[in-house]
Amino acid sequence: MKCPQCGRKMKGDWPDKELYFNCEFCGGRFVIEDDGELVNVFNRGSNNHGTCINCGQSLTRGTYTAPWEDGDNSEGFVTCPHCGCYNYK
């Protein structure tokens, strides 16, 4: 399975190697949901789909940054994969 963030091959991981995957290159951790969608476990239940407030493109495959993850953001945000705009949740 390829990582949706960096495109490299991921390895199956605990608790179920058929459903959970880690990317050793970019640090992403993903799970295959019941509907077959591959989602970032750190953003699970916090859908990062939608459209960018800047360019209007889809936020699918955008990178989620959790609150305080980069040290100075009090709110989580999705970085648009098209223009790089921060889309706060």
N, C-alpha and C. Protein backbone atom coordinates (compact mmCIF):
# COMPACT_ATOMS: atom_id res chain seq x y z
N MET A 1 0.85 -1.17 0.00
CA MET A 1 0.00 0.00 0.00
C MET A 1 0.90 1.23 0.00
N LYS A 2 0.53 2.23 -0.82
CA LYS A 2 1.33 3.46 -0.92
C LYS A 2 0.78 4.53 0.02
N CYS A 3 1.68 5.30 0.59
CA CYS A 3 1.34 6.39 1.50
C CYS A 3 0.67 7.52 0.71
N PRO A 4 -0.50 8.00 1.18
CA PRO A 4 -1.17 9.09 0.48
C PRO A 4 -0.47 10.44 0.67
N GLN A 5 0.45 10.52 1.64
CA GLN A 5 1.16 11.77 1.88
C GLN A 5 2.43 11.90 1.06
N CYS A 6 3.21 10.81 0.96
CA CYS A 6 4.49 10.91 0.25
C CYS A 6 4.62 9.95 -0.93
N GLY A 7 3.69 8.98 -1.04
CA GLY A 7 3.71 8.06 -2.18
C GLY A 7 4.61 6.85 -2.03
N ARG A 8 5.29 6.73 -0.90
CA ARG A 8 6.17 5.59 -0.69
C ARG A 8 5.41 4.42 -0.11
N LYS A 9 6.02 3.24 -0.17
CA LYS A 9 5.38 2.02 0.32
C LYS A 9 5.31 2.02 1.86
N MET A 10 4.14 1.65 2.38
CA MET A 10 3.94 1.58 3.83
C MET A 10 3.94 0.12 4.28
N LYS A 11 4.18 -0.07 5.57
CA LYS A 11 4.16 -1.39 6.17
C LYS A 11 2.93 -1.54 7.06
N GLY A 12 2.35 -2.75 7.05
CA GLY A 12 1.25 -3.06 7.95
C GLY A 12 1.74 -3.04 9.38
N ASP A 13 0.86 -2.67 10.32
CA ASP A 13 1.29 -2.53 11.70
C ASP A 13 0.19 -2.96 12.66
N TRP A 14 0.55 -3.03 13.94
CA TRP A 14 -0.33 -3.38 15.03
C TRP A 14 -1.48 -2.40 15.09
N PRO A 15 -2.70 -2.74 15.43
CA PRO A 15 -3.15 -4.05 15.92
C PRO A 15 -3.59 -5.01 14.83
N ASP A 16 -3.65 -4.55 13.58
CA ASP A 16 -4.07 -5.42 12.48
C ASP A 16 -3.30 -5.00 11.24
N LYS A 17 -2.35 -5.83 10.82
CA LYS A 17 -1.48 -5.49 9.70
C LYS A 17 -2.19 -5.38 8.36
N GLU A 18 -3.45 -5.81 8.32
CA GLU A 18 -4.24 -5.70 7.10
C GLU A 18 -5.00 -4.36 7.04
N LEU A 19 -5.13 -3.69 8.19
CA LEU A 19 -5.92 -2.45 8.27
C LEU A 19 -5.10 -1.23 8.66
N TYR A 20 -4.04 -1.38 9.44
CA TYR A 20 -3.23 -0.26 9.93
C TYR A 20 -1.89 -0.24 9.23
N PHE A 21 -1.46 0.96 8.81
CA PHE A 21 -0.21 1.10 8.06
C PHE A 21 0.59 2.29 8.57
N ASN A 22 1.90 2.11 8.62
CA ASN A 22 2.83 3.18 8.98
C ASN A 22 3.74 3.48 7.80
N CYS A 23 4.04 4.76 7.62
CA CYS A 23 5.02 5.15 6.62
C CYS A 23 6.29 5.57 7.35
N GLU A 24 7.35 4.82 7.14
CA GLU A 24 8.61 5.12 7.83
C GLU A 24 9.32 6.33 7.24
N PHE A 25 8.88 6.79 6.07
CA PHE A 25 9.53 7.92 5.42
C PHE A 25 8.98 9.27 5.90
N CYS A 26 7.65 9.40 6.00
CA CYS A 26 7.07 10.69 6.40
C CYS A 26 6.41 10.64 7.78
N GLY A 27 6.32 9.44 8.38
CA GLY A 27 5.76 9.33 9.72
C GLY A 27 4.26 9.20 9.77
N GLY A 28 3.60 9.10 8.63
CA GLY A 28 2.15 8.96 8.59
C GLY A 28 1.69 7.61 9.14
N ARG A 29 0.51 7.60 9.77
CA ARG A 29 -0.11 6.36 10.25
C ARG A 29 -1.54 6.37 9.75
N PHE A 30 -1.93 5.31 9.09
CA PHE A 30 -3.23 5.27 8.42
C PHE A 30 -3.98 3.99 8.75
N VAL A 31 -5.29 4.06 8.57
CA VAL A 31 -6.16 2.91 8.77
C VAL A 31 -7.15 2.86 7.61
N ILE A 32 -7.54 1.65 7.24
CA ILE A 32 -8.58 1.48 6.23
C ILE A 32 -9.91 1.42 6.97
N GLU A 33 -10.78 2.38 6.72
CA GLU A 33 -12.09 2.44 7.35
C GLU A 33 -13.02 1.36 6.78
N ASP A 34 -14.18 1.17 7.42
CA ASP A 34 -15.16 0.17 6.97
C ASP A 34 -15.59 0.38 5.53
N ASP A 35 -15.62 1.64 5.09
CA ASP A 35 -16.04 1.93 3.71
C ASP A 35 -14.90 1.80 2.71
N GLY A 36 -13.70 1.37 3.18
CA GLY A 36 -12.57 1.15 2.31
C GLY A 36 -11.66 2.36 2.15
N GLU A 37 -12.04 3.49 2.74
CA GLU A 37 -11.23 4.70 2.61
C GLU A 37 -10.02 4.63 3.54
N LEU A 38 -8.87 5.03 3.03
CA LEU A 38 -7.64 5.08 3.82
C LEU A 38 -7.56 6.46 4.47
N VAL A 39 -7.54 6.51 5.80
CA VAL A 39 -7.53 7.79 6.51
C VAL A 39 -6.38 7.86 7.50
N ASN A 40 -5.93 9.07 7.77
CA ASN A 40 -4.88 9.32 8.75
C ASN A 40 -5.47 9.09 10.13
N VAL A 41 -4.86 8.23 10.94
CA VAL A 41 -5.42 7.92 12.26
C VAL A 41 -5.40 9.13 13.19
N PHE A 42 -4.50 10.06 12.97
CA PHE A 42 -4.44 11.25 13.81
C PHE A 42 -5.52 12.26 13.45
N ASN A 43 -6.18 12.03 12.33
CA ASN A 43 -7.23 12.93 11.88
C ASN A 43 -8.56 12.19 11.77
N ARG A 44 -8.63 11.01 12.34
CA ARG A 44 -9.81 10.16 12.26
C ARG A 44 -11.00 10.82 12.94
N GLY A 45 -12.13 10.86 12.26
CA GLY A 45 -13.31 11.49 12.81
C GLY A 45 -13.30 12.99 12.66
N SER A 46 -12.24 13.52 12.13
CA SER A 46 -12.11 14.96 11.89
C SER A 46 -11.85 15.12 10.41
N ASN A 47 -12.86 14.88 9.65
CA ASN A 47 -12.78 14.80 8.20
C ASN A 47 -12.02 15.97 7.60
N ASN A 48 -10.94 15.69 6.87
CA ASN A 48 -10.20 16.76 6.24
C ASN A 48 -10.63 16.97 4.79
N HIS A 49 -11.75 16.39 4.40
CA HIS A 49 -12.28 16.64 3.08
C HIS A 49 -12.99 17.98 3.12
N GLY A 50 -13.29 18.49 2.00
CA GLY A 50 -13.88 19.81 1.89
C GLY A 50 -13.09 20.58 0.87
N THR A 51 -13.26 21.88 0.87
CA THR A 51 -12.53 22.69 -0.10
C THR A 51 -11.70 23.75 0.61
N CYS A 52 -10.64 24.14 -0.04
CA CYS A 52 -9.71 25.13 0.48
C CYS A 52 -10.36 26.51 0.47
N ILE A 53 -10.14 27.27 1.56
CA ILE A 53 -10.69 28.62 1.64
C ILE A 53 -9.99 29.58 0.69
N ASN A 54 -8.81 29.21 0.20
CA ASN A 54 -8.04 30.08 -0.69
C ASN A 54 -8.28 29.77 -2.17
N CYS A 55 -8.06 28.50 -2.56
CA CYS A 55 -8.11 28.16 -3.99
C CYS A 55 -9.37 27.39 -4.39
N GLY A 56 -10.14 26.90 -3.40
CA GLY A 56 -11.38 26.19 -3.71
C GLY A 56 -11.19 24.75 -4.13
N GLN A 57 -9.96 24.26 -4.14
CA GLN A 57 -9.68 22.87 -4.52
C GLN A 57 -9.98 21.94 -3.34
N SER A 58 -10.07 20.65 -3.62
CA SER A 58 -10.35 19.65 -2.60
C SER A 58 -9.19 19.55 -1.60
N LEU A 59 -9.54 19.37 -0.31
CA LEU A 59 -8.54 19.16 0.73
C LEU A 59 -8.17 17.70 0.91
N THR A 60 -8.77 16.81 0.10
CA THR A 60 -8.39 15.41 0.13
C THR A 60 -6.90 15.31 -0.14
N ARG A 61 -6.21 14.51 0.64
CA ARG A 61 -4.75 14.35 0.60
C ARG A 61 -4.01 15.53 1.20
N GLY A 62 -4.74 16.45 1.84
CA GLY A 62 -4.10 17.54 2.56
C GLY A 62 -3.46 16.99 3.83
N THR A 63 -2.50 17.71 4.36
CA THR A 63 -1.80 17.29 5.57
C THR A 63 -2.43 17.95 6.79
N TYR A 64 -2.80 17.13 7.77
CA TYR A 64 -3.41 17.65 8.99
C TYR A 64 -2.32 17.93 10.03
N THR A 65 -2.40 19.09 10.66
CA THR A 65 -1.52 19.45 11.76
C THR A 65 -2.40 19.61 13.00
N ALA A 66 -2.15 18.79 14.01
CA ALA A 66 -2.95 18.81 15.23
C ALA A 66 -2.65 20.07 16.04
N PRO A 67 -3.59 20.47 16.94
CA PRO A 67 -3.33 21.63 17.79
C PRO A 67 -2.01 21.49 18.55
N TRP A 68 -1.22 22.53 18.53
CA TRP A 68 0.09 22.66 19.18
C TRP A 68 1.15 21.74 18.60
N GLU A 69 0.86 21.04 17.52
CA GLU A 69 1.85 20.12 16.93
C GLU A 69 3.11 20.85 16.48
N ASP A 70 2.96 22.04 15.92
CA ASP A 70 4.14 22.77 15.46
C ASP A 70 4.59 23.82 16.47
N GLY A 71 3.99 23.78 17.66
CA GLY A 71 4.44 24.64 18.75
C GLY A 71 3.69 25.93 18.94
N ASP A 72 3.01 26.42 17.92
CA ASP A 72 2.34 27.72 18.08
C ASP A 72 0.93 27.78 17.51
N ASN A 73 0.36 26.65 17.17
CA ASN A 73 -1.00 26.64 16.64
C ASN A 73 -1.98 26.10 17.68
N SER A 74 -2.91 26.94 18.10
CA SER A 74 -3.88 26.50 19.11
C SER A 74 -5.03 25.72 18.50
N GLU A 75 -5.16 25.77 17.18
CA GLU A 75 -6.21 25.03 16.47
C GLU A 75 -5.57 24.11 15.44
N GLY A 76 -6.21 22.97 15.20
CA GLY A 76 -5.74 22.08 14.15
C GLY A 76 -6.08 22.66 12.79
N PHE A 77 -5.29 22.30 11.78
CA PHE A 77 -5.57 22.78 10.43
C PHE A 77 -5.12 21.77 9.40
N VAL A 78 -5.71 21.88 8.20
CA VAL A 78 -5.33 21.06 7.06
C VAL A 78 -4.62 21.97 6.07
N THR A 79 -3.43 21.56 5.65
CA THR A 79 -2.69 22.32 4.65
C THR A 79 -3.15 21.85 3.28
N CYS A 80 -3.61 22.78 2.48
CA CYS A 80 -4.10 22.46 1.13
C CYS A 80 -2.97 21.85 0.30
N PRO A 81 -3.22 20.68 -0.34
CA PRO A 81 -2.19 20.05 -1.15
C PRO A 81 -1.94 20.78 -2.47
N HIS A 82 -2.80 21.75 -2.80
CA HIS A 82 -2.67 22.46 -4.07
C HIS A 82 -1.96 23.80 -3.93
N CYS A 83 -2.33 24.59 -2.89
CA CYS A 83 -1.76 25.94 -2.76
C CYS A 83 -1.01 26.16 -1.46
N GLY A 84 -1.10 25.20 -0.50
CA GLY A 84 -0.38 25.34 0.76
C GLY A 84 -1.05 26.18 1.82
N CYS A 85 -2.26 26.65 1.54
CA CYS A 85 -3.01 27.46 2.52
C CYS A 85 -3.43 26.63 3.72
N TYR A 86 -3.33 27.22 4.94
CA TYR A 86 -3.78 26.56 6.15
C TYR A 86 -5.31 26.74 6.28
N ASN A 87 -6.02 25.64 6.38
CA ASN A 87 -7.47 25.64 6.53
C ASN A 87 -7.77 25.18 7.94
N TYR A 88 -8.07 26.15 8.83
CA TYR A 88 -8.28 25.84 10.24
C TYR A 88 -9.62 25.15 10.45
N LYS A 89 -9.64 24.22 11.40
CA LYS A 89 -10.84 23.46 11.73
C LYS A 89 -11.70 24.25 12.69
